[in-house]
Amino acid sequence: MITSENIWQDISAIREKVPLVHSITNYVAMNNTANALLALGASPVMAHAENEVEDMLDIAGALVVNIGTLSDPWIRAMKLAIEKARASEIPIVFDPVGAGATGLRNNAIYVLFPSGPPTIIRGNASEINAAALSAATTRGVDSTESSESALHSAKRLVDSYGSTVCVSGAVDYVLDGENMIKIHNGHHLMPKVTALGCTASVLCAAFAAVNPSPLKATAGAMATMGVAGELAAESDFCRGPGSFQVAFLDALYNLTFEDLRGKLRVE
């Protein structure tokens, strides 16, 4: 079980240590995820060039690999970064955005996972099913299935790669080889804002940079996302998806222990 005290300890560590999160991510998510990391207290960097991704990991606390907008040079850069992170024992968060939609995305997963099994894999149900080589298909980056439906696939990924897996949805499921945590926080406006799933992945990386337990880091990040989403929706400023996005960043920045303790819903 994870508690508000556990999560707050990690948030405090992030704000104190300001870990650098190196993200090889998609064009849609770059601005959103960078701002979310800054609001939380971490430091973002987004380097995609093959001739610098390894050097950037010399100063990074975690690596995020996001396959949302792929190209062959990016796949090569991702492979180099994953191999360097694995050799340097830097946590790797893999976000299989749109997995199952095209052969390029599926092939990227097949190539990249063996390069260095991810520390954490986070995706929606369709993406997790596709990443586990199931027969599921996905409609772009929107999940067509409930998070519960992907638990079997998530367990296959855990068994195959030793990763901690998060299936995000109305309920977020975080599991490793021995434990499963359910997180019930969040708000229905969150899926209406592009790149909030990608934001969840970079927050997992920030937490993993300060917490050696991938399970606790992932659960803490997802709970923080959910609580911030609830606070954003409750703010007087929020009128819909556009203002929600701004309110969400403010909620991350202003998050307090009392907010967590009052809203956290996990089992």
Protein backbone atom coordinates (compact mmCIF):
# COMPACT_ATOMS: atom_id res chain seq x y z
CA MET A 1 0.00 0.00 0.00
CA ILE A 2 1.10 3.55 -0.65
CA THR A 3 0.15 6.45 1.61
CA SER A 4 -0.05 10.21 1.31
CA GLU A 5 3.04 10.36 3.54
CA ASN A 6 5.00 8.19 1.08
CA ILE A 7 3.96 10.30 -1.88
CA TRP A 8 4.69 13.57 -0.14
CA GLN A 9 8.16 12.34 0.76
CA ASP A 10 8.85 11.77 -2.93
CA ILE A 11 7.39 15.12 -3.98
CA SER A 12 9.54 16.85 -1.39
CA ALA A 13 12.60 14.99 -2.69
CA ILE A 14 11.80 16.04 -6.27
CA ARG A 15 11.42 19.67 -5.24
CA GLU A 16 14.68 19.55 -3.29
CA LYS A 17 16.85 17.57 -5.74
CA VAL A 18 15.31 18.84 -9.02
CA PRO A 19 16.15 15.67 -10.99
CA LEU A 20 16.76 16.02 -14.71
CA VAL A 21 14.31 13.94 -16.74
CA HIS A 22 15.57 13.21 -20.26
CA SER A 23 12.59 12.71 -22.56
CA ILE A 24 12.71 11.39 -26.10
CA THR A 25 9.08 12.19 -26.65
CA ASN A 26 6.60 13.22 -29.30
CA TYR A 27 6.02 16.64 -30.81
CA VAL A 28 2.48 16.87 -29.41
CA ALA A 29 3.64 16.30 -25.83
CA MET A 30 6.87 18.28 -25.56
CA ASN A 31 5.54 21.58 -24.23
CA ASN A 32 2.94 19.95 -21.98
CA THR A 33 5.30 17.48 -20.36
CA ALA A 34 8.10 20.00 -19.91
CA ASN A 35 5.74 22.38 -18.12
CA ALA A 36 4.37 19.60 -15.92
CA LEU A 37 7.86 18.55 -14.85
CA LEU A 38 8.72 22.15 -14.01
CA ALA A 39 5.49 22.57 -12.05
CA LEU A 40 6.19 19.43 -10.05
CA GLY A 41 9.73 20.56 -9.30
CA ALA A 42 11.80 18.48 -11.71
CA SER A 43 13.87 19.64 -14.67
CA PRO A 44 13.03 18.64 -18.27
CA VAL A 45 15.35 18.13 -21.22
CA MET A 46 14.34 16.82 -24.62
CA ALA A 47 17.23 15.66 -26.77
CA HIS A 48 16.59 13.50 -29.81
CA ALA A 49 19.79 13.65 -31.85
CA GLU A 50 21.70 10.39 -32.09
CA ASN A 51 24.98 12.16 -31.39
CA GLU A 52 23.93 13.58 -28.03
CA VAL A 53 21.33 11.31 -26.39
CA GLU A 54 24.00 9.23 -24.65
CA ASP A 55 25.86 12.30 -23.36
CA MET A 56 22.63 13.75 -21.96
CA LEU A 57 22.16 10.67 -19.82
CA ASP A 58 25.42 11.46 -18.02
CA ILE A 59 23.51 14.16 -16.14
CA ALA A 60 19.98 12.69 -16.13
CA GLY A 61 18.12 11.06 -13.28
CA ALA A 62 15.65 9.20 -15.49
CA LEU A 63 14.87 8.51 -19.16
CA VAL A 64 11.46 8.63 -20.86
CA VAL A 65 10.98 6.97 -24.25
CA ASN A 66 7.70 7.90 -25.93
CA ILE A 67 6.86 6.52 -29.40
CA GLY A 68 4.08 8.97 -30.26
CA THR A 69 5.75 10.56 -33.32
CA LEU A 70 8.34 8.13 -34.64
CA SER A 71 10.94 8.25 -37.35
CA ASP A 72 13.87 5.96 -38.10
CA PRO A 73 16.48 8.40 -36.68
CA TRP A 74 14.43 8.71 -33.50
CA ILE A 75 14.23 4.94 -33.12
CA ARG A 76 18.00 4.72 -33.45
CA ALA A 77 18.42 7.48 -30.88
CA MET A 78 15.98 5.73 -28.52
CA LYS A 79 17.96 2.51 -28.80
CA LEU A 80 21.22 4.28 -27.95
CA ALA A 81 19.62 6.06 -25.01
CA ILE A 82 18.02 2.92 -23.63
CA GLU A 83 21.29 1.00 -23.82
CA LYS A 84 23.16 3.82 -22.07
CA ALA A 85 20.50 4.18 -19.37
CA ARG A 86 20.44 0.45 -18.71
CA ALA A 87 24.24 0.31 -18.43
CA SER A 88 24.22 3.33 -16.11
CA GLU A 89 21.33 1.95 -13.98
CA ILE A 90 19.15 4.96 -14.79
CA PRO A 91 15.39 4.22 -14.61
CA ILE A 92 13.66 3.96 -17.99
CA VAL A 93 9.98 4.81 -18.49
CA PHE A 94 8.51 3.54 -21.76
CA ASP A 95 5.28 5.03 -23.10
CA PRO A 96 3.92 2.91 -26.01
CA VAL A 97 1.75 5.69 -27.46
CA GLY A 98 -0.55 4.35 -30.16
CA ALA A 99 0.91 0.85 -29.98
CA GLY A 100 -1.04 -1.49 -32.24
CA ALA A 101 -2.06 1.27 -34.65
CA THR A 102 0.76 0.80 -37.17
CA GLY A 103 3.55 -1.61 -37.98
CA LEU A 104 6.14 1.12 -37.34
CA ARG A 105 5.07 1.49 -33.72
CA ASN A 106 4.87 -2.25 -33.16
CA ASN A 107 8.28 -2.82 -34.72
CA ALA A 108 9.77 -0.06 -32.58
CA ILE A 109 8.62 -1.88 -29.45
CA TYR A 110 10.07 -5.15 -30.71
CA VAL A 111 13.41 -3.47 -31.36
CA LEU A 112 13.61 -1.31 -28.26
CA PHE A 113 12.44 -3.60 -25.48
CA PRO A 114 15.31 -6.08 -25.92
CA SER A 115 17.79 -3.17 -25.93
CA GLY A 116 17.02 -2.61 -22.29
CA PRO A 117 13.82 -3.78 -20.61
CA PRO A 118 11.96 -0.72 -19.29
CA THR A 119 11.88 -0.06 -15.58
CA ILE A 120 8.31 1.21 -15.97
CA ILE A 121 5.81 0.77 -18.82
CA ARG A 122 2.81 3.11 -18.74
CA GLY A 123 -0.03 3.17 -21.22
CA ASN A 124 -3.76 2.90 -21.65
CA ALA A 125 -5.44 -0.49 -21.98
CA SER A 126 -5.20 -0.72 -25.77
CA GLU A 127 -1.53 0.26 -25.73
CA ILE A 128 -0.65 -2.21 -23.00
CA ASN A 129 -2.48 -4.98 -24.84
CA ALA A 130 -0.64 -4.18 -28.06
CA ALA A 131 2.70 -3.90 -26.30
CA ALA A 132 2.17 -7.37 -24.88
CA LEU A 133 1.67 -8.65 -28.43
CA SER A 134 -2.01 -9.33 -27.96
CA ALA A 135 -4.56 -9.14 -30.78
CA ALA A 136 -5.90 -5.80 -29.59
CA THR A 137 -6.01 -2.83 -31.92
CA THR A 138 -6.03 0.79 -30.96
CA ARG A 139 -7.71 3.88 -32.38
CA GLY A 140 -4.89 6.42 -32.38
CA VAL A 141 -3.89 7.17 -28.82
CA ASP A 142 -7.33 6.84 -27.25
CA SER A 143 -8.03 3.66 -25.35
CA THR A 144 -10.99 1.67 -26.62
CA GLU A 145 -10.92 -0.64 -23.62
CA SER A 146 -11.17 -0.37 -19.86
CA SER A 147 -8.00 -0.53 -17.79
CA GLU A 148 -9.23 -3.75 -16.16
CA SER A 149 -9.29 -5.49 -19.54
CA ALA A 150 -5.52 -5.12 -19.95
CA LEU A 151 -4.46 -6.66 -16.65
CA HIS A 152 -3.60 -10.01 -18.23
CA SER A 153 -1.40 -8.25 -20.79
CA ALA A 154 0.19 -6.16 -18.06
CA LYS A 155 1.10 -9.30 -16.16
CA ARG A 156 2.64 -10.76 -19.32
CA LEU A 157 4.85 -7.68 -19.62
CA VAL A 158 5.84 -7.95 -15.97
CA ASP A 159 6.76 -11.60 -16.43
CA SER A 160 8.58 -11.05 -19.72
CA TYR A 161 10.60 -7.95 -18.87
CA GLY A 162 10.56 -7.57 -15.09
CA SER A 163 9.03 -4.13 -15.53
CA THR A 164 6.55 -2.35 -13.33
CA VAL A 165 3.47 -1.77 -15.49
CA CYS A 166 0.81 0.90 -15.18
CA VAL A 167 -2.49 0.55 -17.03
CA SER A 168 -4.07 3.98 -16.89
CA GLY A 169 -7.78 4.65 -17.14
CA ALA A 170 -10.74 5.53 -14.93
CA VAL A 171 -8.91 3.36 -12.41
CA ASP A 172 -5.12 3.22 -12.70
CA TYR A 173 -3.58 -0.19 -12.05
CA VAL A 174 0.09 -0.40 -11.09
CA LEU A 175 1.63 -3.85 -10.76
CA ASP A 176 4.90 -5.68 -10.49
CA GLY A 177 5.65 -9.33 -9.88
CA GLU A 178 4.24 -9.35 -6.36
CA ASN A 179 1.90 -6.41 -5.85
CA MET A 180 -0.92 -4.46 -7.46
CA ILE A 181 -2.07 -0.98 -6.48
CA LYS A 182 -5.34 0.55 -7.66
CA ILE A 183 -5.61 4.35 -7.85
CA HIS A 184 -9.07 5.86 -8.03
CA ASN A 185 -8.11 9.52 -8.34
CA GLY A 186 -8.67 11.62 -11.46
CA HIS A 187 -11.34 13.56 -13.33
CA HIS A 188 -13.33 13.03 -16.53
CA LEU A 189 -11.82 16.14 -18.13
CA MET A 190 -8.34 14.62 -18.13
CA PRO A 191 -8.81 12.51 -21.29
CA LYS A 192 -10.04 15.67 -23.06
CA VAL A 193 -6.59 17.29 -22.82
CA THR A 194 -3.94 16.09 -25.24
CA ALA A 195 -0.69 14.70 -23.84
CA LEU A 196 -1.89 14.20 -20.27
CA GLY A 197 -1.08 10.50 -20.67
CA CYS A 198 2.41 11.48 -21.77
CA THR A 199 2.52 13.79 -18.76
CA ALA A 200 1.79 10.84 -16.50
CA SER A 201 4.80 9.03 -17.94
CA VAL A 202 7.23 11.88 -17.31
CA LEU A 203 5.92 12.25 -13.76
CA CYS A 204 6.59 8.54 -13.25
CA ALA A 205 10.15 9.22 -14.37
CA ALA A 206 10.55 12.13 -11.95
CA PHE A 207 9.34 9.97 -9.07
CA ALA A 208 11.58 7.09 -10.19
CA ALA A 209 14.55 9.45 -10.10
CA VAL A 210 14.12 9.86 -6.33
CA ASN A 211 12.50 6.56 -5.30
CA PRO A 212 14.30 3.26 -5.95
CA SER A 213 11.00 1.32 -5.90
CA PRO A 214 9.45 1.45 -9.39
CA LEU A 215 6.11 0.29 -7.98
CA LYS A 216 5.94 3.05 -5.36
CA ALA A 217 7.30 5.66 -7.75
CA THR A 218 4.70 4.84 -10.39
CA ALA A 219 1.82 4.68 -7.94
CA GLY A 220 2.91 7.96 -6.38
CA ALA A 221 3.12 9.68 -9.75
CA MET A 222 -0.27 8.43 -10.89
CA ALA A 223 -1.91 9.41 -7.61
CA THR A 224 -0.34 12.86 -7.84
CA MET A 225 -1.69 13.19 -11.38
CA GLY A 226 -5.16 12.20 -10.26
CA VAL A 227 -5.26 14.49 -7.24
CA ALA A 228 -3.96 17.42 -9.30
CA GLY A 229 -6.66 16.71 -11.88
CA GLU A 230 -9.36 16.80 -9.23
CA LEU A 231 -8.03 20.05 -7.78
CA ALA A 232 -7.86 21.60 -11.24
CA ALA A 233 -11.45 20.69 -12.04
CA GLU A 234 -12.63 22.15 -8.73
CA SER A 235 -10.91 25.49 -9.25
CA ASP A 236 -13.01 28.54 -10.09
CA PHE A 237 -10.78 29.12 -13.11
CA CYS A 238 -11.68 25.84 -14.84
CA ARG A 239 -14.39 26.09 -17.50
CA GLY A 240 -13.41 23.23 -19.83
CA PRO A 241 -10.42 21.42 -21.32
CA GLY A 242 -8.45 24.58 -22.18
CA SER A 243 -8.60 26.18 -18.77
CA PHE A 244 -8.30 22.75 -17.15
CA GLN A 245 -4.83 22.35 -18.66
CA VAL A 246 -3.65 25.59 -17.08
CA ALA A 247 -5.36 24.79 -13.77
CA PHE A 248 -3.70 21.37 -13.76
CA LEU A 249 -0.22 22.91 -13.94
CA ASP A 250 -1.14 25.30 -11.13
CA ALA A 251 -2.45 22.41 -9.05
CA LEU A 252 0.81 20.49 -9.49
CA TYR A 253 2.83 23.54 -8.53
CA ASN A 254 0.72 24.38 -5.47
CA LEU A 255 0.10 20.80 -4.29
CA THR A 256 0.30 20.34 -0.53
CA PHE A 257 0.40 17.40 1.81
CA GLU A 258 -3.08 18.32 2.99
CA ASP A 259 -4.35 18.06 -0.59
CA LEU A 260 -2.94 14.55 -0.87
CA ARG A 261 -4.17 13.42 2.50
CA GLY A 262 -7.67 14.74 1.85
CA LYS A 263 -8.09 13.29 -1.64
CA LEU A 264 -5.94 10.19 -2.02
CA ARG A 265 -7.99 7.10 -2.89
CA VAL A 266 -5.89 3.97 -3.33
CA GLU A 267 -6.23 0.30 -2.54
